[in-house]
N, C-alpha and C. Protein backbone atom coordinates (compact mmCIF):
# COMPACT_ATOMS: atom_id res chain seq x y z
N MET A 1 -81.98 -151.39 -15.16
CA MET A 1 -81.34 -150.80 -15.23
C MET A 1 -79.54 -151.06 -15.15
N ALA A 2 -79.55 -152.19 -14.42
CA ALA A 2 -78.40 -152.64 -14.60
C ALA A 2 -77.14 -152.51 -16.26
N PHE A 3 -78.54 -153.26 -16.88
CA PHE A 3 -78.36 -153.58 -18.72
C PHE A 3 -77.81 -152.07 -19.01
N ARG A 4 -78.55 -151.28 -18.89
CA ARG A 4 -78.29 -150.26 -19.44
C ARG A 4 -76.95 -149.36 -19.25
N GLU A 5 -76.50 -149.09 -18.06
CA GLU A 5 -75.39 -149.10 -17.80
C GLU A 5 -74.66 -149.57 -17.65
N ALA A 6 -74.16 -150.94 -17.89
CA ALA A 6 -73.42 -151.90 -18.16
C ALA A 6 -73.26 -151.49 -19.87
N TRP A 7 -74.10 -151.59 -20.67
CA TRP A 7 -74.16 -151.22 -21.91
C TRP A 7 -73.50 -149.82 -22.46
N LEU A 8 -73.84 -148.65 -21.30
CA LEU A 8 -72.95 -147.05 -21.78
C LEU A 8 -71.36 -147.22 -21.10
N ASN A 9 -71.37 -147.85 -20.32
CA ASN A 9 -69.98 -148.31 -19.90
C ASN A 9 -69.12 -148.82 -21.26
N THR A 10 -69.69 -149.80 -21.75
CA THR A 10 -69.01 -150.62 -22.87
C THR A 10 -68.96 -149.48 -23.96
N LEU A 11 -70.06 -149.01 -24.07
CA LEU A 11 -69.50 -148.10 -25.52
C LEU A 11 -68.55 -146.37 -25.19
N ALA A 12 -68.40 -146.33 -24.02
CA ALA A 12 -67.77 -145.18 -23.28
C ALA A 12 -66.43 -145.94 -23.23
N LEU A 13 -65.84 -147.17 -22.90
CA LEU A 13 -64.61 -147.83 -22.79
C LEU A 13 -64.40 -148.03 -24.61
N LYS A 14 -64.99 -148.12 -25.25
CA LYS A 14 -64.77 -148.35 -26.54
C LYS A 14 -63.96 -147.25 -27.02
N ALA A 15 -65.03 -146.13 -26.71
CA ALA A 15 -64.16 -144.62 -27.20
C ALA A 15 -63.13 -144.24 -26.34
N CYS A 16 -62.92 -144.62 -25.17
CA CYS A 16 -61.74 -144.26 -24.53
C CYS A 16 -60.32 -145.10 -25.41
N PHE A 17 -60.60 -146.51 -25.83
CA PHE A 17 -59.53 -147.03 -26.21
C PHE A 17 -59.05 -146.32 -27.58
N VAL A 18 -59.86 -145.68 -28.37
CA VAL A 18 -60.23 -145.00 -29.64
C VAL A 18 -58.83 -143.64 -29.45
N ARG A 19 -59.07 -143.13 -28.69
CA ARG A 19 -58.89 -141.97 -27.85
C ARG A 19 -57.14 -142.13 -27.28
N LEU A 20 -57.05 -143.56 -26.78
CA LEU A 20 -56.25 -143.71 -26.16
C LEU A 20 -54.82 -144.08 -27.36
N GLU A 21 -55.57 -144.89 -28.19
CA GLU A 21 -54.77 -144.99 -29.41
C GLU A 21 -54.46 -143.54 -30.67
N GLU A 22 -55.39 -142.86 -30.19
CA GLU A 22 -54.81 -141.64 -30.83
C GLU A 22 -53.85 -141.09 -30.33
N ASN A 23 -54.06 -140.40 -29.00
CA ASN A 23 -53.20 -139.93 -27.97
C ASN A 23 -53.15 -140.43 -27.09
N PRO A 24 -52.34 -141.11 -26.11
CA PRO A 24 -52.44 -141.50 -24.77
C PRO A 24 -52.01 -140.52 -23.62
N ARG A 25 -51.49 -139.58 -24.07
CA ARG A 25 -51.38 -138.42 -23.06
C ARG A 25 -52.15 -137.45 -23.33
N ASP A 26 -53.66 -137.78 -23.45
CA ASP A 26 -54.72 -136.81 -23.72
C ASP A 26 -54.67 -135.86 -21.89
N PHE A 27 -54.48 -134.76 -21.64
CA PHE A 27 -54.77 -134.36 -20.76
C PHE A 27 -55.74 -134.06 -19.85
N LEU A 28 -56.65 -133.92 -20.87
CA LEU A 28 -57.67 -133.66 -20.50
C LEU A 28 -58.92 -134.40 -19.62
N ARG A 29 -58.32 -136.19 -19.85
CA ARG A 29 -59.08 -136.95 -19.21
C ARG A 29 -57.87 -137.99 -18.65
N THR A 30 -56.75 -137.65 -18.70
CA THR A 30 -55.75 -138.59 -18.35
C THR A 30 -54.52 -137.92 -16.89
N LYS A 31 -53.83 -138.79 -16.49
CA LYS A 31 -53.02 -138.14 -15.26
C LYS A 31 -52.22 -139.12 -15.02
N LYS A 32 -50.86 -138.71 -14.78
CA LYS A 32 -50.12 -139.74 -14.57
C LYS A 32 -50.22 -139.61 -12.89
N LEU A 33 -49.59 -141.31 -12.69
CA LEU A 33 -50.38 -141.89 -11.23
C LEU A 33 -48.91 -141.49 -10.60
N LYS A 34 -49.12 -140.86 -9.73
CA LYS A 34 -47.69 -140.67 -8.58
C LYS A 34 -47.06 -141.79 -7.40
N GLY A 35 -45.92 -141.61 -7.84
CA GLY A 35 -45.53 -143.35 -7.09
C GLY A 35 -45.18 -144.30 -8.49
N TYR A 36 -46.13 -144.20 -9.71
CA TYR A 36 -44.96 -145.12 -10.30
C TYR A 36 -44.49 -144.35 -12.37
N GLU A 37 -43.25 -145.06 -12.16
CA GLU A 37 -42.79 -144.60 -13.21
C GLU A 37 -43.85 -144.23 -14.44
N ASN A 38 -44.57 -145.15 -15.51
CA ASN A 38 -45.17 -144.94 -16.24
C ASN A 38 -46.51 -145.27 -16.24
N LEU A 39 -47.09 -145.39 -15.11
CA LEU A 39 -48.51 -145.64 -15.28
C LEU A 39 -49.65 -144.53 -15.23
N TYR A 40 -50.61 -144.65 -16.33
CA TYR A 40 -51.64 -143.21 -16.52
C TYR A 40 -52.54 -143.52 -15.95
N ARG A 41 -53.87 -142.91 -15.35
CA ARG A 41 -54.93 -143.00 -15.72
C ARG A 41 -56.00 -142.36 -16.76
N TYR A 42 -56.75 -143.08 -16.95
CA TYR A 42 -57.56 -142.30 -18.29
C TYR A 42 -59.48 -142.65 -17.32
N GLN A 43 -60.18 -141.38 -17.04
CA GLN A 43 -61.17 -141.16 -16.79
C GLN A 43 -62.59 -141.50 -17.51
N VAL A 44 -63.35 -142.36 -17.10
CA VAL A 44 -64.15 -143.02 -18.36
C VAL A 44 -65.30 -143.19 -16.99
N GLY A 45 -66.43 -142.02 -16.98
CA GLY A 45 -67.13 -141.85 -16.34
C GLY A 45 -67.03 -142.29 -14.49
N GLY A 46 -67.77 -143.23 -13.81
CA GLY A 46 -66.96 -143.62 -12.77
C GLY A 46 -66.13 -144.59 -12.76
N LEU A 47 -65.79 -145.22 -14.12
CA LEU A 47 -64.45 -146.09 -14.08
C LEU A 47 -63.33 -145.49 -14.13
N ARG A 48 -62.16 -145.97 -13.87
CA ARG A 48 -60.55 -145.83 -14.32
C ARG A 48 -59.93 -146.93 -14.84
N VAL A 49 -59.31 -146.33 -16.34
CA VAL A 49 -58.53 -147.19 -17.02
C VAL A 49 -56.92 -147.08 -16.68
N VAL A 50 -56.31 -147.68 -16.55
CA VAL A 50 -55.02 -147.45 -15.90
C VAL A 50 -54.16 -148.13 -16.92
N TYR A 51 -53.21 -147.56 -17.35
CA TYR A 51 -52.78 -147.92 -18.78
C TYR A 51 -50.63 -147.70 -18.54
N GLU A 52 -50.00 -148.45 -19.19
CA GLU A 52 -48.66 -148.05 -18.99
C GLU A 52 -48.43 -147.86 -20.90
N ILE A 53 -47.68 -147.02 -21.16
CA ILE A 53 -47.34 -146.34 -22.57
C ILE A 53 -45.62 -146.91 -22.72
N HIS A 54 -45.91 -148.07 -23.68
CA HIS A 54 -44.36 -149.06 -24.40
C HIS A 54 -44.04 -148.08 -25.37
N GLU A 55 -42.90 -146.70 -25.13
CA GLU A 55 -42.74 -146.32 -26.23
C GLU A 55 -42.05 -146.78 -27.54
N ASP A 56 -40.95 -147.48 -26.85
CA ASP A 56 -39.69 -148.50 -27.79
C ASP A 56 -40.96 -149.28 -28.53
N LYS A 57 -42.17 -149.93 -28.07
CA LYS A 57 -43.09 -151.18 -29.30
C LYS A 57 -44.32 -150.04 -29.44
N GLU A 58 -44.41 -148.54 -29.03
CA GLU A 58 -45.45 -148.15 -29.98
C GLU A 58 -46.66 -148.49 -29.33
N GLU A 59 -47.38 -149.22 -28.21
CA GLU A 59 -47.91 -149.42 -27.69
C GLU A 59 -48.46 -148.63 -26.23
N ILE A 60 -49.56 -149.48 -26.00
CA ILE A 60 -50.29 -149.10 -24.61
C ILE A 60 -50.70 -150.33 -23.91
N ALA A 61 -50.64 -150.67 -22.72
CA ALA A 61 -51.29 -151.94 -22.23
C ALA A 61 -51.63 -151.41 -21.01
N VAL A 62 -53.37 -152.20 -20.89
CA VAL A 62 -53.99 -151.56 -20.02
C VAL A 62 -53.60 -152.43 -18.93
N VAL A 63 -54.02 -151.96 -17.80
CA VAL A 63 -52.85 -152.55 -16.59
C VAL A 63 -54.70 -153.70 -15.65
N ALA A 64 -55.67 -152.28 -15.56
CA ALA A 64 -56.69 -152.11 -15.22
C ALA A 64 -57.93 -151.60 -14.95
N ILE A 65 -59.03 -151.96 -15.27
CA ILE A 65 -60.23 -151.05 -15.46
C ILE A 65 -61.21 -151.40 -14.24
N PHE A 66 -61.40 -150.10 -13.16
CA PHE A 66 -62.12 -150.30 -11.78
C PHE A 66 -63.03 -149.32 -11.54
N PRO A 67 -64.15 -149.44 -10.80
CA PRO A 67 -65.00 -148.28 -10.70
C PRO A 67 -63.80 -147.41 -9.97
N ARG A 68 -63.55 -145.89 -9.97
CA ARG A 68 -62.98 -144.69 -9.17
C ARG A 68 -62.10 -145.43 -8.08
N GLY A 69 -63.14 -145.82 -6.75
CA GLY A 69 -62.79 -145.19 -5.35
C GLY A 69 -61.56 -147.05 -5.30
N ASP A 70 -61.69 -148.12 -6.04
CA ASP A 70 -61.19 -149.38 -5.67
C ASP A 70 -59.66 -149.19 -6.65
N VAL A 71 -59.48 -148.98 -7.79
CA VAL A 71 -58.79 -148.74 -8.70
C VAL A 71 -57.60 -148.75 -8.28
N TYR A 72 -57.30 -147.74 -7.08
CA TYR A 72 -56.05 -147.55 -6.09
C TYR A 72 -55.86 -148.36 -5.48
N LYS A 73 -56.65 -148.78 -4.73
CA LYS A 73 -56.02 -149.45 -3.97
C LYS A 73 -55.81 -151.29 -4.33
N LYS A 74 -56.11 -151.28 -5.63
CA LYS A 74 -55.76 -152.47 -5.75
C LYS A 74 -54.63 -152.84 -6.92
N LEU A 75 -53.63 -151.26 -6.80
CA LEU A 75 -53.02 -151.30 -7.82
C LEU A 75 -51.48 -151.94 -7.36
């Protein structure tokens, strides 16, 4: 069962990265994090991908990937 869950998370994360590359401000699954100037989070099932957008470099940088409850404690 753990293998299947890990496999599904891997596929979901790959899809997440493709979507972020196309539109890093996809407001259906992303939210700007309060208290941070340039941090956003993307919801992928029970995981949260925290990233920042670098407009000048035209890139995004993934800061953290954690389960939903843990990610905000570890920032």
